[in-house]
Amino acid sequence: MINVIVYEQDNEITAFEISGHANSGPYGYDLVCAAVSAVSFGAVNAVFELCQMELEIEQVGEGGYLFVTIPESYPLRLKQRAQLIFEAMVVSLQTIERDYNKFIQIKRK
């Protein structure tokens, strides 16, 4: 099971954590894992490129854990752009969860 936790404060995403494996198919053919990876890494890369923000990222091993924190130090304009990208990421992950809820669970804290 992939567990996604979206951390929020004052209705803004401050961090997110993705852990676990979907195990929805054989290694290398797990579509749920591939989709979650593509959506989350795509969002992180978009924030790097479009917002020029350095995020705090923690990864463990060869997959299965990603923790991303949005630093407070950036101007409001850039943080708002990053928020929009990460909210879009959550919507995409929720779409995956809707169809594959045996393999992914999303919580907001």
C-alpha atoms as a PDB file:
ATOM      1  CA  MET A   1       0.000   0.000   0.000  1.00  0.00           C
ATOM      2  CA  ILE A   2       1.228   3.489  -0.847  1.00  0.00           C
ATOM      3  CA  ASN A   3       0.482   5.986   1.911  1.00  0.00           C
ATOM      4  CA  VAL A   4       0.416   9.678   1.096  1.00  0.00           C
ATOM      5  CA  ILE A   5       0.273  12.253   3.871  1.00  0.00           C
ATOM      6  CA  VAL A   6      -0.214  15.889   2.904  1.00  0.00           C
ATOM      7  CA  TYR A   7       0.749  18.240   5.737  1.00  0.00           C
ATOM      8  CA  GLU A   8      -1.096  21.547   5.846  1.00  0.00           C
ATOM      9  CA  GLN A   9      -1.072  24.694   7.907  1.00  0.00           C
ATOM     10  CA  ASP A  10      -3.536  27.541   7.361  1.00  0.00           C
ATOM     11  CA  ASN A  11      -4.900  25.752   4.254  1.00  0.00           C
ATOM     12  CA  GLU A  12      -1.455  25.608   2.632  1.00  0.00           C
ATOM     13  CA  ILE A  13       0.594  22.528   1.908  1.00  0.00           C
ATOM     14  CA  THR A  14       3.771  22.669   3.972  1.00  0.00           C
ATOM     15  CA  ALA A  15       5.069  19.179   3.166  1.00  0.00           C
ATOM     16  CA  PHE A  16       4.092  15.794   1.830  1.00  0.00           C
ATOM     17  CA  GLU A  17       5.221  12.256   2.486  1.00  0.00           C
ATOM     18  CA  ILE A  18       4.849   9.235   0.234  1.00  0.00           C
ATOM     19  CA  SER A  19       5.787   5.815   1.574  1.00  0.00           C
ATOM     20  CA  GLY A  20       5.297   2.172   0.758  1.00  0.00           C
ATOM     21  CA  HIS A  21       4.789   0.181  -2.406  1.00  0.00           C
ATOM     22  CA  ALA A  22       1.537  -0.479  -4.245  1.00  0.00           C
ATOM     23  CA  ASN A  23       2.334  -4.090  -5.176  1.00  0.00           C
ATOM     24  CA  SER A  24      -0.401  -3.881  -7.797  1.00  0.00           C
ATOM     25  CA  GLY A  25       1.679  -5.753 -10.342  1.00  0.00           C
ATOM     26  CA  PRO A  26       5.021  -7.465 -10.863  1.00  0.00           C
ATOM     27  CA  TYR A  27       8.197  -5.458 -10.258  1.00  0.00           C
ATOM     28  CA  GLY A  28       8.710  -3.146 -13.206  1.00  0.00           C
ATOM     29  CA  TYR A  29       5.051  -3.414 -14.243  1.00  0.00           C
ATOM     30  CA  ASP A  30       3.343  -1.830 -11.241  1.00  0.00           C
ATOM     31  CA  LEU A  31       1.181   0.846 -12.863  1.00  0.00           C
ATOM     32  CA  VAL A  32      -0.008   2.398  -9.596  1.00  0.00           C
ATOM     33  CA  CYS A  33       3.551   2.829  -8.337  1.00  0.00           C
ATOM     34  CA  ALA A  34       4.627   4.257 -11.687  1.00  0.00           C
ATOM     35  CA  ALA A  35       1.703   6.696 -11.727  1.00  0.00           C
ATOM     36  CA  VAL A  36       2.341   7.926  -8.173  1.00  0.00           C
ATOM     37  CA  SER A  37       6.041   8.336  -8.909  1.00  0.00           C
ATOM     38  CA  ALA A  38       5.395  10.228 -12.142  1.00  0.00           C
ATOM     39  CA  VAL A  39       2.868  12.570 -10.530  1.00  0.00           C
ATOM     40  CA  SER A  40       4.940  13.323  -7.418  1.00  0.00           C
ATOM     41  CA  PHE A  41       8.323  13.702  -9.127  1.00  0.00           C
ATOM     42  CA  GLY A  42       6.689  15.687 -11.915  1.00  0.00           C
ATOM     43  CA  ALA A  43       5.308  18.138  -9.330  1.00  0.00           C
ATOM     44  CA  VAL A  44       8.665  18.449  -7.572  1.00  0.00           C
ATOM     45  CA  ASN A  45      10.447  19.039 -10.896  1.00  0.00           C
ATOM     46  CA  ALA A  46       7.816  21.602 -11.924  1.00  0.00           C
ATOM     47  CA  VAL A  47       8.376  23.562  -8.703  1.00  0.00           C
ATOM     48  CA  PHE A  48      12.144  23.488  -9.299  1.00  0.00           C
ATOM     49  CA  GLU A  49      11.778  24.745 -12.862  1.00  0.00           C
ATOM     50  CA  LEU A  50       8.783  27.074 -12.722  1.00  0.00           C
ATOM     51  CA  CYS A  51       9.276  28.542  -9.244  1.00  0.00           C
ATOM     52  CA  GLN A  52      13.055  28.288  -8.979  1.00  0.00           C
ATOM     53  CA  MET A  53      12.583  26.904  -5.456  1.00  0.00           C
ATOM     54  CA  GLU A  54      14.941  24.545  -3.693  1.00  0.00           C
ATOM     55  CA  LEU A  55      12.757  22.112  -1.788  1.00  0.00           C
ATOM     56  CA  GLU A  56      13.926  20.068   1.177  1.00  0.00           C
ATOM     57  CA  ILE A  57      13.813  16.467  -0.050  1.00  0.00           C
ATOM     58  CA  GLU A  58      14.433  13.232   1.814  1.00  0.00           C
ATOM     59  CA  GLN A  59      14.514   9.927  -0.057  1.00  0.00           C
ATOM     60  CA  VAL A  60      15.391   6.521   1.296  1.00  0.00           C
ATOM     61  CA  GLY A  61      16.766   3.597  -0.650  1.00  0.00           C
ATOM     62  CA  GLU A  62      15.654   2.824  -4.158  1.00  0.00           C
ATOM     63  CA  GLY A  63      12.134   4.120  -3.827  1.00  0.00           C
ATOM     64  CA  GLY A  64       9.368   3.644  -1.378  1.00  0.00           C
ATOM     65  CA  TYR A  65       9.906   6.859   0.594  1.00  0.00           C
ATOM     66  CA  LEU A  66       9.777  10.544  -0.336  1.00  0.00           C
ATOM     67  CA  PHE A  67       9.389  13.469   2.057  1.00  0.00           C
ATOM     68  CA  VAL A  68       9.244  16.987   0.608  1.00  0.00           C
ATOM     69  CA  THR A  69       9.114  20.197   2.629  1.00  0.00           C
ATOM     70  CA  ILE A  70       8.360  23.634   1.204  1.00  0.00           C
ATOM     71  CA  PRO A  71      10.705  26.173   2.831  1.00  0.00           C
ATOM     72  CA  GLU A  72       9.145  29.258   4.419  1.00  0.00           C
ATOM     73  CA  SER A  73      11.852  31.607   3.173  1.00  0.00           C
ATOM     74  CA  TYR A  74      10.554  32.223  -0.362  1.00  0.00           C
ATOM     75  CA  PRO A  75       8.485  35.245  -1.446  1.00  0.00           C
ATOM     76  CA  LEU A  76       4.705  34.865  -1.298  1.00  0.00           C
ATOM     77  CA  ARG A  77       4.364  34.939  -5.105  1.00  0.00           C
ATOM     78  CA  LEU A  78       6.638  31.917  -5.528  1.00  0.00           C
ATOM     79  CA  LYS A  79       5.030  30.041  -2.645  1.00  0.00           C
ATOM     80  CA  GLN A  80       1.595  30.583  -4.213  1.00  0.00           C
ATOM     81  CA  ARG A  81       2.816  29.137  -7.519  1.00  0.00           C
ATOM     82  CA  ALA A  82       4.263  26.125  -5.702  1.00  0.00           C
ATOM     83  CA  GLN A  83       0.974  25.671  -3.825  1.00  0.00           C
ATOM     84  CA  LEU A  84      -0.943  25.488  -7.081  1.00  0.00           C
ATOM     85  CA  ILE A  85       1.438  22.852  -8.447  1.00  0.00           C
ATOM     86  CA  PHE A  86       1.238  20.755  -5.283  1.00  0.00           C
ATOM     87  CA  GLU A  87      -2.560  21.061  -5.117  1.00  0.00           C
ATOM     88  CA  ALA A  88      -2.663  19.799  -8.713  1.00  0.00           C
ATOM     89  CA  MET A  89      -0.442  16.901  -7.620  1.00  0.00           C
ATOM     90  CA  VAL A  90      -2.912  16.033  -4.837  1.00  0.00           C
ATOM     91  CA  VAL A  91      -5.838  16.100  -7.295  1.00  0.00           C
ATOM     92  CA  SER A  92      -3.946  13.712  -9.592  1.00  0.00           C
ATOM     93  CA  LEU A  93      -3.113  11.405  -6.683  1.00  0.00           C
ATOM     94  CA  GLN A  94      -6.771  11.465  -5.588  1.00  0.00           C
ATOM     95  CA  THR A  95      -7.765  10.389  -9.095  1.00  0.00           C
ATOM     96  CA  ILE A  96      -5.414   7.413  -8.798  1.00  0.00           C
ATOM     97  CA  GLU A  97      -6.788   6.666  -5.322  1.00  0.00           C
ATOM     98  CA  ARG A  98     -10.374   6.736  -6.603  1.00  0.00           C
ATOM     99  CA  ASP A  99      -9.664   3.980  -9.114  1.00  0.00           C
ATOM    100  CA  TYR A 100      -7.034   2.011  -7.162  1.00  0.00           C
ATOM    101  CA  ASN A 101      -7.937   2.501  -3.490  1.00  0.00           C
ATOM    102  CA  LYS A 102      -6.669  -0.980  -2.609  1.00  0.00           C
ATOM    103  CA  PHE A 103      -3.169   0.235  -3.405  1.00  0.00           C
ATOM    104  CA  ILE A 104      -3.029   3.910  -2.345  1.00  0.00           C
ATOM    105  CA  GLN A 105      -4.416   5.939   0.563  1.00  0.00           C
ATOM    106  CA  ILE A 106      -4.212   9.731   0.963  1.00  0.00           C
ATOM    107  CA  LYS A 107      -4.562  11.610   4.243  1.00  0.00           C
ATOM    108  CA  ARG A 108      -4.413  15.315   4.942  1.00  0.00           C
ATOM    109  CA  LYS A 109      -3.039  16.496   8.306  1.00  0.00           C
END
